[in-house]
Amino acid sequence: MQDVREALMAGRASDGRAVRRPLSPHLQVYRPQITSTLSILHRITGIGLGAGTLLLVAWLVALASGAGPFATVQWFIASWLGRILLFGWTAALLFHFCNGIRHLAWDAGYGFEKPVYRASGWAVVGVSIAASLAIWAIFCR
């Protein structure tokens, strides 16, 4: 019996000759586009937001636990690594939020024209970066 993967890769061209085809399109086949890149980043930021929320929960639990545990967590958050993590969490939150609004527009049937989805994609990137920098410039001196 032939390997199942090999059987699935066997196909016929429109003229009837046998061809070997891939199981599915792969990232190496396509040039990255704004929609695919932002889709991947949307998933990554979603995971990052879940992980970053654990830091927020640790801070709240430490706050409820007393001055000693709170001082320890606050020390970490105030360190350079903590600030980098918080900035990344802020940027991920704003990107995920802006891209989510874009997806809501798509769900309503708007923004599928090439110039529109490219412009909205770059707008998501620009707004999320500008908002992240503005929030940190104003509130985190």
Protein backbone atom coordinates (compact mmCIF):
# COMPACT_ATOMS: atom_id res chain seq x y z
CA MET A 1 0.00 0.00 0.00
CA GLN A 2 1.24 3.47 -0.91
CA ASP A 3 1.89 6.05 1.80
CA VAL A 4 -1.27 8.13 2.36
CA ARG A 5 0.62 11.41 2.00
CA GLU A 6 1.99 10.34 -1.37
CA ALA A 7 -1.48 9.31 -2.51
CA LEU A 8 -2.88 12.70 -1.52
CA MET A 9 -0.14 14.49 -3.46
CA ALA A 10 -0.94 12.65 -6.70
CA GLY A 11 -3.14 14.58 -9.06
CA ARG A 12 -3.96 15.25 -12.68
CA ALA A 13 -3.40 18.39 -14.69
CA SER A 14 -6.15 19.77 -16.92
CA ASP A 15 -4.66 17.90 -19.90
CA GLY A 16 -4.82 14.58 -18.00
CA ARG A 17 -1.13 14.08 -17.27
CA ALA A 18 -0.10 12.98 -13.78
CA VAL A 19 1.37 15.67 -11.53
CA ARG A 20 2.67 15.78 -7.97
CA ARG A 21 1.00 18.54 -5.99
CA PRO A 22 1.53 19.87 -2.47
CA LEU A 23 -0.97 19.02 0.25
CA SER A 24 -1.81 22.68 0.76
CA PRO A 25 -0.33 26.07 -0.01
CA HIS A 26 2.56 26.83 2.28
CA LEU A 27 3.99 30.09 3.59
CA GLN A 28 7.09 29.50 1.46
CA VAL A 29 4.97 29.54 -1.70
CA TYR A 30 3.42 32.98 -1.21
CA ARG A 31 4.97 36.40 -0.81
CA PRO A 32 3.85 37.93 2.52
CA GLN A 33 1.09 40.50 2.12
CA ILE A 34 -0.29 43.03 4.56
CA THR A 35 -3.40 40.92 5.25
CA SER A 36 -1.51 37.71 5.95
CA THR A 37 1.12 39.46 8.05
CA LEU A 38 -1.46 41.26 10.16
CA SER A 39 -3.46 38.07 10.56
CA ILE A 40 -0.42 36.29 11.95
CA LEU A 41 0.39 39.27 14.20
CA HIS A 42 -3.23 39.34 15.42
CA ARG A 43 -2.90 35.74 16.58
CA ILE A 44 0.50 36.36 18.17
CA THR A 45 -0.73 39.46 20.02
CA GLY A 46 -3.75 37.51 21.26
CA ILE A 47 -1.43 34.94 22.81
CA GLY A 48 0.79 37.72 24.18
CA LEU A 49 -2.20 39.46 25.75
CA GLY A 50 -3.15 36.25 27.53
CA ALA A 51 0.38 35.83 28.85
CA GLY A 52 0.69 39.52 29.76
CA THR A 53 -2.56 39.41 31.66
CA LEU A 54 -0.88 36.96 34.04
CA LEU A 55 1.47 39.79 35.04
CA LEU A 56 -1.53 42.00 35.75
CA VAL A 57 -3.12 39.23 37.83
CA ALA A 58 0.13 38.74 39.75
CA TRP A 59 0.20 42.47 40.49
CA LEU A 60 -3.42 42.41 41.73
CA VAL A 61 -2.86 39.31 43.88
CA ALA A 62 0.27 40.89 45.34
CA LEU A 63 -1.70 44.07 46.05
CA ALA A 64 -4.29 42.04 47.95
CA SER A 65 -1.61 40.02 49.78
CA GLY A 66 0.10 42.87 51.56
CA ALA A 67 2.99 45.29 51.39
CA GLY A 68 5.78 42.70 51.09
CA PRO A 69 4.48 40.77 48.07
CA PHE A 70 3.32 44.00 46.45
CA ALA A 71 6.77 45.56 46.81
CA THR A 72 8.35 42.53 45.15
CA VAL A 73 6.02 42.58 42.14
CA GLN A 74 6.18 46.35 41.91
CA TRP A 75 9.99 46.17 41.89
CA PHE A 76 9.85 43.76 38.93
CA ILE A 77 7.33 45.87 37.03
CA ALA A 78 9.45 49.00 37.60
CA SER A 79 12.62 47.26 36.35
CA TRP A 80 13.78 47.64 32.75
CA LEU A 81 12.50 44.14 31.88
CA GLY A 82 9.13 44.85 33.46
CA ARG A 83 8.80 48.10 31.56
CA ILE A 84 9.67 46.37 28.26
CA LEU A 85 7.03 43.72 28.99
CA LEU A 86 4.46 46.38 29.86
CA PHE A 87 5.23 48.36 26.72
CA GLY A 88 4.90 45.18 24.64
CA TRP A 89 1.60 44.41 26.36
CA THR A 90 0.35 47.94 25.65
CA ALA A 91 1.39 47.73 21.99
CA ALA A 92 -0.18 44.26 21.64
CA LEU A 93 -3.41 45.46 23.23
CA LEU A 94 -3.70 48.47 20.95
CA PHE A 95 -2.79 46.49 17.82
CA HIS A 96 -5.26 43.73 18.69
CA PHE A 97 -7.96 46.32 19.38
CA CYS A 98 -7.40 48.27 16.14
CA ASN A 99 -7.15 45.12 14.03
CA GLY A 100 -10.29 43.78 15.73
CA ILE A 101 -12.19 46.89 14.59
CA ARG A 102 -10.89 46.23 11.07
CA HIS A 103 -12.17 42.67 11.28
CA LEU A 104 -15.58 43.91 12.45
CA ALA A 105 -15.76 46.07 9.32
CA TRP A 106 -14.91 43.01 7.25
CA ASP A 107 -17.62 41.02 9.05
CA ALA A 108 -20.08 43.72 8.01
CA GLY A 109 -18.90 43.34 4.38
CA TYR A 110 -16.79 46.49 4.09
CA GLY A 111 -13.17 46.98 3.12
CA PHE A 112 -12.47 44.07 0.78
CA GLU A 113 -11.25 46.20 -2.13
CA LYS A 114 -7.48 46.03 -2.55
CA PRO A 115 -6.75 49.73 -1.94
CA VAL A 116 -9.04 49.75 1.09
CA TYR A 117 -7.66 46.67 2.83
CA ARG A 118 -4.10 47.80 2.23
CA ALA A 119 -4.81 51.30 3.57
CA SER A 120 -6.72 49.95 6.57
CA GLY A 121 -3.90 47.51 7.31
CA TRP A 122 -1.27 50.22 7.34
CA ALA A 123 -3.63 52.43 9.35
CA VAL A 124 -3.87 49.70 11.99
CA VAL A 125 -0.08 49.52 12.17
CA GLY A 126 0.34 53.31 12.31
CA VAL A 127 -2.42 53.97 14.83
CA SER A 128 -1.32 51.17 17.15
CA ILE A 129 2.32 52.35 17.12
CA ALA A 130 1.39 56.02 17.55
CA ALA A 131 -1.10 55.27 20.33
CA SER A 132 1.39 53.05 22.17
CA LEU A 133 4.08 55.72 22.05
CA ALA A 134 1.60 58.45 23.04
CA ILE A 135 0.28 56.50 26.02
CA TRP A 136 3.78 55.81 27.28
CA ALA A 137 4.95 59.38 26.64
CA ILE A 138 1.99 60.82 28.56
CA PHE A 139 1.46 58.37 31.41
CA CYS A 140 4.73 56.50 31.97
CA ARG A 141 7.45 59.07 32.53
